[in-house]
C-alpha atoms as a PDB file:
ATOM      1  CA  MET A   1     246.939  35.775 100.430  1.00  0.00           C
ATOM      2  CA  HIS A   2     250.068  33.697 100.545  1.00  0.00           C
ATOM      3  CA  ARG A   3     252.119  33.737  97.616  1.00  0.00           C
ATOM      4  CA  LEU A   4     253.374  30.816  95.662  1.00  0.00           C
ATOM      5  CA  LEU A   5     257.109  29.977  96.290  1.00  0.00           C
ATOM      6  CA  PRO A   6     258.983  31.826  93.386  1.00  0.00           C
ATOM      7  CA  GLU A   7     258.571  30.246  89.933  1.00  0.00           C
ATOM      8  CA  SER A   8     262.441  29.604  90.013  1.00  0.00           C
ATOM      9  CA  PRO A   9     263.159  28.172  86.799  1.00  0.00           C
ATOM     10  CA  ALA A  10     261.484  30.967  84.719  1.00  0.00           C
ATOM     11  CA  ILE A  11     263.406  33.513  87.091  1.00  0.00           C
ATOM     12  CA  VAL A  12     266.799  31.793  87.312  1.00  0.00           C
ATOM     13  CA  ARG A  13     266.482  31.275  83.515  1.00  0.00           C
ATOM     14  CA  ALA A  14     265.602  35.207  83.027  1.00  0.00           C
ATOM     15  CA  VAL A  15     268.451  36.219  85.516  1.00  0.00           C
ATOM     16  CA  LEU A  16     271.222  34.163  83.850  1.00  0.00           C
ATOM     17  CA  TYR A  17     269.973  35.375  80.469  1.00  0.00           C
ATOM     18  CA  GLN A  18     270.528  38.885  81.370  1.00  0.00           C
ATOM     19  CA  VAL A  19     273.897  38.445  83.131  1.00  0.00           C
ATOM     20  CA  ALA A  20     274.840  36.506  79.925  1.00  0.00           C
ATOM     21  CA  CYS A  21     274.099  39.220  77.894  1.00  0.00           C
ATOM     22  CA  VAL A  22     275.960  42.065  80.166  1.00  0.00           C
ATOM     23  CA  VAL A  23     279.238  39.647  80.356  1.00  0.00           C
ATOM     24  CA  CYS A  24     279.088  38.986  76.867  1.00  0.00           C
ATOM     25  CA  ALA A  25     278.794  42.936  76.188  1.00  0.00           C
ATOM     26  CA  VAL A  26     281.567  43.508  78.632  1.00  0.00           C
ATOM     27  CA  TYR A  27     283.933  41.135  77.302  1.00  0.00           C
ATOM     28  CA  LEU A  28     283.302  42.166  73.620  1.00  0.00           C
ATOM     29  CA  LEU A  29     284.136  45.777  74.681  1.00  0.00           C
ATOM     30  CA  ALA A  30     287.338  44.803  76.745  1.00  0.00           C
ATOM     31  CA  LEU A  31     288.352  42.691  73.589  1.00  0.00           C
ATOM     32  CA  SER A  32     288.060  45.486  71.197  1.00  0.00           C
ATOM     33  CA  ALA A  33     289.874  47.851  73.691  1.00  0.00           C
ATOM     34  CA  ALA A  34     292.589  45.726  74.575  1.00  0.00           C
ATOM     35  CA  SER A  35     293.407  43.780  71.020  1.00  0.00           C
ATOM     36  CA  THR A  36     294.864  44.549  68.114  1.00  0.00           C
ATOM     37  CA  PHE A  37     293.117  43.458  65.026  1.00  0.00           C
ATOM     38  CA  ASP A  38     294.041  42.892  61.276  1.00  0.00           C
ATOM     39  CA  PRO A  39     291.483  43.814  59.275  1.00  0.00           C
ATOM     40  CA  HIS A  40     290.721  47.294  61.600  1.00  0.00           C
ATOM     41  CA  TRP A  41     286.832  46.987  61.118  1.00  0.00           C
ATOM     42  CA  MET A  42     286.939  44.084  63.602  1.00  0.00           C
ATOM     43  CA  HIS A  43     286.712  46.583  66.425  1.00  0.00           C
ATOM     44  CA  GLY A  44     283.615  47.997  65.085  1.00  0.00           C
ATOM     45  CA  VAL A  45     282.217  44.682  64.870  1.00  0.00           C
ATOM     46  CA  LEU A  46     282.842  43.979  68.413  1.00  0.00           C
ATOM     47  CA  VAL A  47     281.443  47.510  69.669  1.00  0.00           C
ATOM     48  CA  VAL A  48     278.098  46.714  67.550  1.00  0.00           C
ATOM     49  CA  GLY A  49     278.262  42.946  69.018  1.00  0.00           C
ATOM     50  CA  SER A  50     278.308  44.396  72.449  1.00  0.00           C
ATOM     51  CA  LEU A  51     275.589  46.960  71.914  1.00  0.00           C
ATOM     52  CA  VAL A  52     273.300  44.425  70.643  1.00  0.00           C
ATOM     53  CA  ALA A  53     273.922  41.902  73.507  1.00  0.00           C
ATOM     54  CA  LEU A  54     272.913  44.811  75.982  1.00  0.00           C
ATOM     55  CA  ALA A  55     269.976  45.409  73.814  1.00  0.00           C
ATOM     56  CA  VAL A  56     268.949  41.891  74.023  1.00  0.00           C
ATOM     57  CA  GLY A  57     269.524  41.942  77.919  1.00  0.00           C
ATOM     58  CA  ALA A  58     267.497  45.238  78.425  1.00  0.00           C
ATOM     59  CA  TRP A  59     264.598  43.814  75.815  1.00  0.00           C
ATOM     60  CA  VAL A  60     264.502  40.476  78.236  1.00  0.00           C
ATOM     61  CA  ARG A  61     264.377  42.786  81.696  1.00  0.00           C
ATOM     62  CA  PHE A  62     261.650  45.196  80.316  1.00  0.00           C
ATOM     63  CA  ARG A  63     259.502  42.952  77.936  1.00  0.00           C
ATOM     64  CA  GLY A  64     259.758  39.629  79.516  1.00  0.00           C
ATOM     65  CA  THR A  65     260.680  37.769  76.284  1.00  0.00           C
ATOM     66  CA  ASP A  66     261.314  34.072  77.159  1.00  0.00           C
ATOM     67  CA  SER A  67     261.092  32.538  73.823  1.00  0.00           C
ATOM     68  CA  ASP A  68     263.101  29.214  72.930  1.00  0.00           C
ATOM     69  CA  VAL A  69     263.702  30.547  69.563  1.00  0.00           C
ATOM     70  CA  PHE A  70     264.924  33.930  70.682  1.00  0.00           C
ATOM     71  CA  ARG A  71     267.334  32.474  73.140  1.00  0.00           C
ATOM     72  CA  SER A  72     268.498  29.819  70.785  1.00  0.00           C
ATOM     73  CA  VAL A  73     269.440  32.703  68.259  1.00  0.00           C
ATOM     74  CA  PHE A  74     271.241  34.773  71.007  1.00  0.00           C
ATOM     75  CA  TRP A  75     273.309  31.675  72.188  1.00  0.00           C
ATOM     76  CA  THR A  76     274.189  30.208  68.543  1.00  0.00           C
ATOM     77  CA  LEU A  77     275.554  33.841  67.669  1.00  0.00           C
ATOM     78  CA  THR A  78     277.390  33.952  70.855  1.00  0.00           C
ATOM     79  CA  VAL A  79     279.059  30.536  70.427  1.00  0.00           C
ATOM     80  CA  LEU A  80     279.773  31.603  66.666  1.00  0.00           C
ATOM     81  CA  GLY A  81     280.861  34.708  67.239  1.00  0.00           C
ATOM     82  CA  SER A  82     283.416  33.652  70.117  1.00  0.00           C
ATOM     83  CA  THR A  83     284.789  30.903  67.667  1.00  0.00           C
ATOM     84  CA  LEU A  84     285.493  33.430  64.729  1.00  0.00           C
ATOM     85  CA  ILE A  85     287.157  36.019  67.102  1.00  0.00           C
ATOM     86  CA  ALA A  86     289.316  33.411  68.604  1.00  0.00           C
ATOM     87  CA  LEU A  87     290.481  32.023  65.235  1.00  0.00           C
ATOM     88  CA  THR A  88     292.054  35.438  64.832  1.00  0.00           C
ATOM     89  CA  ILE A  89     293.288  35.757  68.534  1.00  0.00           C
ATOM     90  CA  THR A  90     294.211  32.924  70.954  1.00  0.00           C
ATOM     91  CA  PRO A  91     292.579  29.824  71.635  1.00  0.00           C
ATOM     92  CA  THR A  92     292.949  30.005  75.455  1.00  0.00           C
ATOM     93  CA  MET A  93     290.665  33.198  74.996  1.00  0.00           C
ATOM     94  CA  LEU A  94     288.170  30.829  73.184  1.00  0.00           C
ATOM     95  CA  GLY A  95     288.528  28.322  75.516  1.00  0.00           C
ATOM     96  CA  LEU A  96     287.367  30.614  78.458  1.00  0.00           C
ATOM     97  CA  SER A  97     284.482  32.222  76.610  1.00  0.00           C
ATOM     98  CA  LEU A  98     283.043  28.773  75.425  1.00  0.00           C
ATOM     99  CA  PHE A  99     283.386  27.438  78.938  1.00  0.00           C
ATOM    100  CA  THR A 100     281.489  30.040  80.506  1.00  0.00           C
ATOM    101  CA  ILE A 101     278.820  30.195  77.579  1.00  0.00           C
ATOM    102  CA  ALA A 102     278.187  26.351  78.185  1.00  0.00           C
ATOM    103  CA  VAL A 103     277.898  26.504  81.886  1.00  0.00           C
ATOM    104  CA  THR A 104     275.524  29.302  81.573  1.00  0.00           C
ATOM    105  CA  ILE A 105     273.421  27.568  79.317  1.00  0.00           C
ATOM    106  CA  CYS A 106     273.385  24.186  81.029  1.00  0.00           C
ATOM    107  CA  ALA A 107     272.452  26.131  84.322  1.00  0.00           C
ATOM    108  CA  SER A 108     269.487  27.913  82.387  1.00  0.00           C
ATOM    109  CA  GLU A 109     268.354  25.719  79.709  1.00  0.00           C
ATOM    110  CA  GLY A 110     266.583  22.223  79.806  1.00  0.00           C
ATOM    111  CA  LEU A 111     268.347  18.909  79.366  1.00  0.00           C
ATOM    112  CA  ARG A 112     268.258  18.749  75.453  1.00  0.00           C
ATOM    113  CA  GLY A 113     269.412  22.346  75.053  1.00  0.00           C
ATOM    114  CA  ALA A 114     272.188  22.211  77.749  1.00  0.00           C
ATOM    115  CA  ALA A 115     273.349  18.999  75.786  1.00  0.00           C
ATOM    116  CA  ALA A 116     273.505  20.352  72.608  1.00  0.00           C
ATOM    117  CA  ALA A 117     275.101  23.550  73.872  1.00  0.00           C
ATOM    118  CA  THR A 118     278.043  21.171  75.589  1.00  0.00           C
ATOM    119  CA  ALA A 119     278.342  19.608  72.187  1.00  0.00           C
ATOM    120  CA  VAL A 120     278.268  22.624  70.093  1.00  0.00           C
ATOM    121  CA  CYS A 121     280.825  24.575  72.298  1.00  0.00           C
ATOM    122  CA  GLY A 122     283.014  21.200  72.475  1.00  0.00           C
ATOM    123  CA  ALA A 123     283.199  20.970  68.883  1.00  0.00           C
ATOM    124  CA  CYS A 124     283.998  24.543  68.228  1.00  0.00           C
ATOM    125  CA  GLY A 125     286.846  24.455  70.673  1.00  0.00           C
ATOM    126  CA  THR A 126     288.284  21.573  69.273  1.00  0.00           C
ATOM    127  CA  LEU A 127     288.236  23.153  65.886  1.00  0.00           C
ATOM    128  CA  VAL A 128     290.055  26.136  67.260  1.00  0.00           C
ATOM    129  CA  MET A 129     292.469  24.104  69.429  1.00  0.00           C
ATOM    130  CA  TRP A 130     293.481  22.145  66.208  1.00  0.00           C
ATOM    131  CA  GLN A 131     293.934  25.149  64.063  1.00  0.00           C
ATOM    132  CA  ARG A 132     295.844  27.572  66.484  1.00  0.00           C
ATOM    133  CA  SER A 133     297.112  25.652  69.401  1.00  0.00           C
ATOM    134  CA  PRO A 134     300.703  24.323  69.373  1.00  0.00           C
ATOM    135  CA  ALA A 135     299.868  21.142  71.278  1.00  0.00           C
ATOM    136  CA  PRO A 136     296.443  20.466  69.835  1.00  0.00           C
ATOM    137  CA  VAL A 137     296.048  17.116  71.125  1.00  0.00           C
ATOM    138  CA  PRO A 138     296.492  17.852  74.923  1.00  0.00           C
ATOM    139  CA  ALA A 139     294.958  21.220  74.804  1.00  0.00           C
ATOM    140  CA  THR A 140     291.716  19.505  73.403  1.00  0.00           C
ATOM    141  CA  LEU A 141     291.638  16.905  75.859  1.00  0.00           C
ATOM    142  CA  ILE A 142     292.322  19.274  78.821  1.00  0.00           C
ATOM    143  CA  PHE A 143     289.491  21.715  77.096  1.00  0.00           C
ATOM    144  CA  LEU A 144     286.888  18.953  76.479  1.00  0.00           C
ATOM    145  CA  THR A 145     287.412  17.301  80.139  1.00  0.00           C
ATOM    146  CA  MET A 146     287.089  20.582  81.936  1.00  0.00           C
ATOM    147  CA  LEU A 147     283.879  21.411  79.721  1.00  0.00           C
ATOM    148  CA  ALA A 148     282.436  17.811  80.416  1.00  0.00           C
ATOM    149  CA  LEU A 149     283.079  18.118  84.038  1.00  0.00           C
ATOM    150  CA  ALA A 150     281.742  21.577  84.477  1.00  0.00           C
ATOM    151  CA  CYS A 151     278.633  21.045  82.428  1.00  0.00           C
ATOM    152  CA  GLY A 152     278.019  17.744  84.352  1.00  0.00           C
ATOM    153  CA  THR A 153     278.340  19.142  87.511  1.00  0.00           C
ATOM    154  CA  VAL A 154     276.066  22.447  86.766  1.00  0.00           C
ATOM    155  CA  MET A 155     273.642  19.831  85.059  1.00  0.00           C
ATOM    156  CA  THR A 156     273.495  17.711  87.821  1.00  0.00           C
ATOM    157  CA  LEU A 157     272.895  20.421  90.753  1.00  0.00           C
ATOM    158  CA  ARG A 158     270.381  22.188  88.526  1.00  0.00           C
ATOM    159  CA  GLU A 159     268.415  18.860  88.574  1.00  0.00           C
ATOM    160  CA  PHE A 160     268.709  18.421  92.559  1.00  0.00           C
ATOM    161  CA  TRP A 161     267.756  21.818  93.075  1.00  0.00           C
ATOM    162  CA  ARG A 162     264.498  21.589  90.735  1.00  0.00           C
ATOM    163  CA  ARG A 163     263.381  18.320  92.278  1.00  0.00           C
ATOM    164  CA  ALA A 164     263.952  20.321  95.853  1.00  0.00           C
ATOM    165  CA  HIS A 165     262.266  22.769  94.834  1.00  0.00           C
ATOM    166  CA  ALA A 166     259.132  20.879  93.707  1.00  0.00           C
ATOM    167  CA  GLU A 167     258.875  18.726  96.737  1.00  0.00           C
ATOM    168  CA  ALA A 168     258.880  21.919  99.125  1.00  0.00           C
ATOM    169  CA  LEU A 169     256.184  23.671  96.933  1.00  0.00           C
ATOM    170  CA  LEU A 170     254.214  20.486  97.065  1.00  0.00           C
ATOM    171  CA  LEU A 171     254.624  20.010 100.973  1.00  0.00           C
ATOM    172  CA  SER A 172     253.765  23.661 101.530  1.00  0.00           C
ATOM    173  CA  HIS A 173     250.302  23.262  99.587  1.00  0.00           C
ATOM    174  CA  VAL A 174     249.268  19.674 100.606  1.00  0.00           C
ATOM    175  CA  ASP A 175     247.789  18.681 103.885  1.00  0.00           C
ATOM    176  CA  PRO A 176     250.097  15.579 104.962  1.00  0.00           C
ATOM    177  CA  LEU A 177     247.190  13.470 106.711  1.00  0.00           C
ATOM    178  CA  THR A 178     244.613  13.797 104.128  1.00  0.00           C
ATOM    179  CA  GLU A 179     246.536  14.566 101.319  1.00  0.00           C
ATOM    180  CA  LEU A 180     244.228  17.307 100.037  1.00  0.00           C
ATOM    181  CA  THR A 181     245.047  20.946  99.489  1.00  0.00           C
ATOM    182  CA  ASN A 182     245.579  22.933 102.577  1.00  0.00           C
ATOM    183  CA  ARG A 183     244.585  26.633 103.220  1.00  0.00           C
ATOM    184  CA  ARG A 184     247.839  27.724 101.407  1.00  0.00           C
ATOM    185  CA  GLY A 185     247.416  26.078  98.653  1.00  0.00           C
ATOM    186  CA  MET A 186     243.515  26.540  98.540  1.00  0.00           C
ATOM    187  CA  GLU A 187     243.827  30.554  98.503  1.00  0.00           C
ATOM    188  CA  ILE A 188     246.169  29.870  95.328  1.00  0.00           C
ATOM    189  CA  GLY A 189     243.801  27.475  93.516  1.00  0.00           C
ATOM    190  CA  VAL A 190     240.741  29.407  94.154  1.00  0.00           C
ATOM    191  CA  ARG A 191     242.224  32.224  92.134  1.00  0.00           C
ATOM    192  CA  ARG A 192     242.890  29.918  89.339  1.00  0.00           C
ATOM    193  CA  LEU A 193     239.448  28.295  89.531  1.00  0.00           C
ATOM    194  CA  GLY A 194     237.854  31.722  89.828  1.00  0.00           C
ATOM    195  CA  ALA A 195     239.477  33.074  86.538  1.00  0.00           C
ATOM    196  CA  LEU A 196     238.481  29.769  84.995  1.00  0.00           C
ATOM    197  CA  ALA A 197     234.447  30.333  85.945  1.00  0.00           C
ATOM    198  CA  GLN A 198     235.175  34.074  84.748  1.00  0.00           C
ATOM    199  CA  ARG A 199     236.369  32.891  81.233  1.00  0.00           C
ATOM    200  CA  SER A 200     233.614  29.891  80.988  1.00  0.00           C
ATOM    201  CA  GLY A 201     230.553  32.370  82.243  1.00  0.00           C
ATOM    202  CA  GLN A 202     230.106  30.198  85.269  1.00  0.00           C
ATOM    203  CA  MET A 203     229.585  30.846  89.047  1.00  0.00           C
ATOM    204  CA  LEU A 204     232.288  30.081  91.526  1.00  0.00           C
ATOM    205  CA  GLY A 205     230.648  27.477  94.295  1.00  0.00           C
ATOM    206  CA  CYS A 206     231.968  26.959  97.441  1.00  0.00           C
ATOM    207  CA  LEU A 207     231.007  24.294 100.071  1.00  0.00           C
ATOM    208  CA  ILE A 208     232.380  23.960 103.696  1.00  0.00           C
ATOM    209  CA  ILE A 209     231.924  20.576 105.133  1.00  0.00           C
ATOM    210  CA  ASP A 210     231.921  20.218 108.731  1.00  0.00           C
ATOM    211  CA  LEU A 211     232.106  16.485 110.318  1.00  0.00           C
ATOM    212  CA  ASP A 212     229.111  16.223 113.091  1.00  0.00           C
ATOM    213  CA  SER A 213     230.485  15.312 116.543  1.00  0.00           C
ATOM    214  CA  PHE A 214     233.982  14.505 115.375  1.00  0.00           C
ATOM    215  CA  LYS A 215     235.199  15.748 118.879  1.00  0.00           C
ATOM    216  CA  LEU A 216     233.727  12.673 120.455  1.00  0.00           C
ATOM    217  CA  ILE A 217     235.762  10.278 118.568  1.00  0.00           C
ATOM    218  CA  ASN A 218     238.688  12.039 119.502  1.00  0.00           C
ATOM    219  CA  ASP A 219     237.802  12.097 123.285  1.00  0.00           C
ATOM    220  CA  VAL A 220     236.509   8.344 123.138  1.00  0.00           C
ATOM    221  CA  HIS A 221     238.574   6.498 120.716  1.00  0.00           C
ATOM    222  CA  GLY A 222     241.838   8.730 120.785  1.00  0.00           C
ATOM    223  CA  HIS A 223     243.357  11.125 118.035  1.00  0.00           C
ATOM    224  CA  ALA A 224     244.489   7.996 115.974  1.00  0.00           C
ATOM    225  CA  ALA A 225     241.203   7.025 115.490  1.00  0.00           C
ATOM    226  CA  GLY A 226     240.141  10.665 114.583  1.00  0.00           C
ATOM    227  CA  ASP A 227     243.038  10.692 111.921  1.00  0.00           C
ATOM    228  CA  ALA A 228     241.951   7.585 110.280  1.00  0.00           C
ATOM    229  CA  VAL A 229     238.328   9.190 109.990  1.00  0.00           C
ATOM    230  CA  LEU A 230     239.981  12.143 108.610  1.00  0.00           C
ATOM    231  CA  ARG A 231     241.867  10.381 106.284  1.00  0.00           C
ATOM    232  CA  ALA A 232     238.857   8.518 104.737  1.00  0.00           C
ATOM    233  CA  THR A 233     236.734  11.784 104.577  1.00  0.00           C
ATOM    234  CA  GLY A 234     239.448  13.450 102.781  1.00  0.00           C
ATOM    235  CA  ARG A 235     239.357  10.306 100.059  1.00  0.00           C
ATOM    236  CA  THR A 236     235.653  10.212 100.139  1.00  0.00           C
ATOM    237  CA  ILE A 237     235.395  13.936  99.294  1.00  0.00           C
ATOM    238  CA  ARG A 238     238.105  13.677  96.412  1.00  0.00           C
ATOM    239  CA  GLU A 239     236.479  10.691  94.977  1.00  0.00           C
ATOM    240  CA  SER A 240     233.109  11.964  95.048  1.00  0.00           C
ATOM    241  CA  THR A 241     234.003  15.434  93.304  1.00  0.00           C
ATOM    242  CA  ARG A 242     235.309  16.060  89.776  1.00  0.00           C
ATOM    243  CA  PRO A 243     238.591  16.001  88.650  1.00  0.00           C
ATOM    244  CA  ALA A 244     238.634  20.027  88.093  1.00  0.00           C
ATOM    245  CA  ASP A 245     236.874  20.845  91.628  1.00  0.00           C
ATOM    246  CA  LEU A 246     239.484  21.840  94.343  1.00  0.00           C
ATOM    247  CA  CYS A 247     239.076  19.983  97.503  1.00  0.00           C
ATOM    248  CA  ALA A 248     241.009  21.395 100.765  1.00  0.00           C
ATOM    249  CA  ARG A 249     241.356  20.633 104.552  1.00  0.00           C
ATOM    250  CA  ILE A 250     240.803  23.824 106.142  1.00  0.00           C
ATOM    251  CA  GLY A 251     241.506  23.043 109.627  1.00  0.00           C
ATOM    252  CA  GLY A 252     240.537  20.281 112.149  1.00  0.00           C
ATOM    253  CA  GLU A 253     237.619  18.564 110.798  1.00  0.00           C
ATOM    254  CA  GLU A 254     236.698  21.448 108.195  1.00  0.00           C
ATOM    255  CA  PHE A 255     236.797  20.601 104.446  1.00  0.00           C
ATOM    256  CA  ALA A 256     236.135  22.804 101.447  1.00  0.00           C
ATOM    257  CA  VAL A 257     235.405  22.378  98.018  1.00  0.00           C
ATOM    258  CA  PHE A 258     235.281  24.972  95.215  1.00  0.00           C
ATOM    259  CA  ALA A 259     233.536  24.262  91.937  1.00  0.00           C
ATOM    260  CA  CYS A 260     232.839  25.887  88.748  1.00  0.00           C
ATOM    261  CA  VAL A 261     228.814  25.702  88.461  1.00  0.00           C
ATOM    262  CA  SER A 262     226.161  26.885  86.086  1.00  0.00           C
ATOM    263  CA  ALA A 263     223.587  27.251  88.806  1.00  0.00           C
ATOM    264  CA  THR A 264     222.981  27.019  92.679  1.00  0.00           C
ATOM    265  CA  THR A 265     221.009  23.576  91.994  1.00  0.00           C
ATOM    266  CA  ASP A 266     224.308  22.444  90.529  1.00  0.00           C
ATOM    267  CA  LEU A 267     226.040  23.256  93.663  1.00  0.00           C
ATOM    268  CA  ALA A 268     223.171  21.652  95.965  1.00  0.00           C
ATOM    269  CA  ALA A 269     223.753  18.573  94.004  1.00  0.00           C
ATOM    270  CA  LEU A 270     227.101  18.193  94.732  1.00  0.00           C
ATOM    271  CA  ALA A 271     226.622  19.090  98.334  1.00  0.00           C
ATOM    272  CA  GLU A 272     224.255  16.430  98.682  1.00  0.00           C
ATOM    273  CA  ARG A 273     226.493  14.044  96.523  1.00  0.00           C
ATOM    274  CA  VAL A 274     229.493  14.715  99.262  1.00  0.00           C
ATOM    275  CA  ARG A 275     226.976  14.459 102.283  1.00  0.00           C
ATOM    276  CA  ARG A 276     225.521  11.126 101.204  1.00  0.00           C
ATOM    277  CA  ALA A 277     229.274   9.398 100.373  1.00  0.00           C
ATOM    278  CA  ILE A 278     230.538  10.479 103.641  1.00  0.00           C
ATOM    279  CA  GLU A 279     227.683   9.314 105.323  1.00  0.00           C
ATOM    280  CA  ILE A 280     228.030   5.856 104.027  1.00  0.00           C
ATOM    281  CA  GLN A 281     231.849   5.724 103.766  1.00  0.00           C
ATOM    282  CA  GLU A 282     233.795   2.511 105.132  1.00  0.00           C
ATOM    283  CA  SER A 283     235.504   3.809 108.095  1.00  0.00           C
ATOM    284  CA  ALA A 284     235.830   1.992 111.418  1.00  0.00           C
ATOM    285  CA  PHE A 285     233.785   4.832 113.033  1.00  0.00           C
ATOM    286  CA  PRO A 286     230.489   6.099 111.142  1.00  0.00           C
ATOM    287  CA  VAL A 287     230.460   9.825 110.725  1.00  0.00           C
ATOM    288  CA  THR A 288     228.171  12.443 109.262  1.00  0.00           C
ATOM    289  CA  ALA A 289     228.654  15.968 107.813  1.00  0.00           C
ATOM    290  CA  SER A 290     226.695  19.164 107.706  1.00  0.00           C
ATOM    291  CA  ILE A 291     227.479  21.177 104.630  1.00  0.00           C
ATOM    292  CA  GLY A 292     227.122  24.920 103.995  1.00  0.00           C
ATOM    293  CA  GLY A 293     227.334  26.134 100.283  1.00  0.00           C
ATOM    294  CA  ALA A 294     227.658  29.472  98.463  1.00  0.00           C
ATOM    295  CA  SER A 295     227.800  30.391  94.864  1.00  0.00           C
ATOM    296  CA  GLY A 296     228.997  33.675  93.354  1.00  0.00           C
ATOM    297  CA  GLY A 297     225.674  35.142  91.923  1.00  0.00           C
ATOM    298  CA  HIS A 298     225.060  38.500  92.847  1.00  0.00           C
ATOM    299  CA  ARG A 299     227.606  38.546  95.656  1.00  0.00           C
ATOM    300  CA  LEU A 300     230.502  37.786  93.845  1.00  0.00           C
ATOM    301  CA  PRO A 301     230.553  39.646  90.383  1.00  0.00           C
ATOM    302  CA  HIS A 302     232.818  37.981  87.495  1.00  0.00           C
ATOM    303  CA  GLU A 303     235.288  40.724  88.056  1.00  0.00           C
ATOM    304  CA  ALA A 304     235.603  40.154  91.894  1.00  0.00           C
ATOM    305  CA  TRP A 305     236.531  36.395  91.574  1.00  0.00           C
ATOM    306  CA  THR A 306     240.114  36.969  91.781  1.00  0.00           C
ATOM    307  CA  THR A 307     240.245  39.835  94.313  1.00  0.00           C
ATOM    308  CA  GLU A 308     241.707  39.578  97.707  1.00  0.00           C
ATOM    309  CA  GLY A 309     238.260  39.768  99.420  1.00  0.00           C
ATOM    310  CA  ALA A 310     236.578  37.625  97.104  1.00  0.00           C
ATOM    311  CA  LEU A 311     237.462  34.504  98.799  1.00  0.00           C
ATOM    312  CA  ASP A 312     236.788  35.736 102.361  1.00  0.00           C
ATOM    313  CA  LEU A 313     233.329  36.920 101.208  1.00  0.00           C
ATOM    314  CA  LEU A 314     232.477  33.251  99.615  1.00  0.00           C
ATOM    315  CA  LEU A 315     233.739  31.403 102.684  1.00  0.00           C
ATOM    316  CA  ASN A 316     231.981  33.744 105.068  1.00  0.00           C
ATOM    317  CA  THR A 317     228.647  33.531 103.140  1.00  0.00           C
ATOM    318  CA  ALA A 318     229.259  29.339 103.037  1.00  0.00           C
ATOM    319  CA  ASP A 319     230.222  29.444 106.792  1.00  0.00           C
ATOM    320  CA  LYS A 320     226.974  31.178 107.638  1.00  0.00           C
ATOM    321  CA  ALA A 321     224.921  28.410 105.628  1.00  0.00           C
ATOM    322  CA  LEU A 322     226.836  25.668 107.299  1.00  0.00           C
ATOM    323  CA  TYR A 323     225.702  27.084 110.786  1.00  0.00           C
ATOM    324  CA  ARG A 324     222.128  26.913 109.598  1.00  0.00           C
ATOM    325  CA  ALA A 325     222.709  23.298 108.676  1.00  0.00           C
ATOM    326  CA  LYS A 326     223.825  22.472 111.911  1.00  0.00           C
ATOM    327  CA  ALA A 327     220.987  24.220 113.597  1.00  0.00           C
ATOM    328  CA  ALA A 328     218.672  22.664 111.800  1.00  0.00           C
ATOM    329  CA  GLY A 329     219.496  19.209 112.725  1.00  0.00           C
ATOM    330  CA  ARG A 330     223.134  18.258 111.196  1.00  0.00           C
ATOM    331  CA  ASN A 331     223.739  15.802 108.674  1.00  0.00           C
ATOM    332  CA  LEU A 332     222.252  18.273 106.451  1.00  0.00           C
ATOM    333  CA  ILE A 333     222.970  20.729 103.561  1.00  0.00           C
ATOM    334  CA  GLU A 334     222.433  24.133 103.105  1.00  0.00           C
ATOM    335  CA  VAL A 335     223.109  26.050  99.867  1.00  0.00           C
ATOM    336  CA  VAL A 336     222.280  29.727  99.026  1.00  0.00           C
END
């Protein structure tokens, strides 16, 4: 089966989070090795902080922890730790560390988290600049300006990338002509619907809908007329099914509907409703449909509904029922 585009926001956030942990650990170790502190126990604090950062990164990497509270505590301790260290060393080092932390948070967190991080880092930086810098006013203005520009740029690029990703994901899963799910989106959606059927103790039903004599419309009236019929049919199928049902165009004049049903009779009732709706739909060129249906039943036990071969088995069974419906005279349903 096709795979979804990467769930990028979660992946990017997790990767940046791990990178931030490693960078924080290296930064603290380098600071401990290169600086002279008074009191001397600050070296031990830095080493312990470095080990904690590495442990947090490893925890996220291998345990997949992605808690908002967990991340907030880590970022807060990192900012406060950098501020306390900078109060005993130089404001330049603090500016660089807070700048890096704010940009990282803006790239990985939501809008509110990014705004809060920028404000906190800006406040901490301002405090240290006024306490430690020989020229506090220009130093503070330079720091805040660079911080605002960098965080604003990162947040803008992040929002642009998020929208582009969402549009690409939508285009890859939607048929542009009928605005129904395409074959790729169907394969992903069936897995979710099958899992839902399994949890609710129902069967996963499948309908394959084929428009009768559609080729004749294309040959006589042209492809524009055929496209209009397909658009109308897609709209009719969507309106005659339930919101939870999965409607897809699987190729040419063939459509598919997947639904959670309690019995084969429920699937047959759905098939008849769709067939009747297509027969009476408002269209410049009247059209009918033959429908073949199959439900899980004994052919698809619950544990098989989310496996690779389950969809093919269900489609093949429904397809055979469709052929029988066409052989019996068209504009009929056949559900097994």
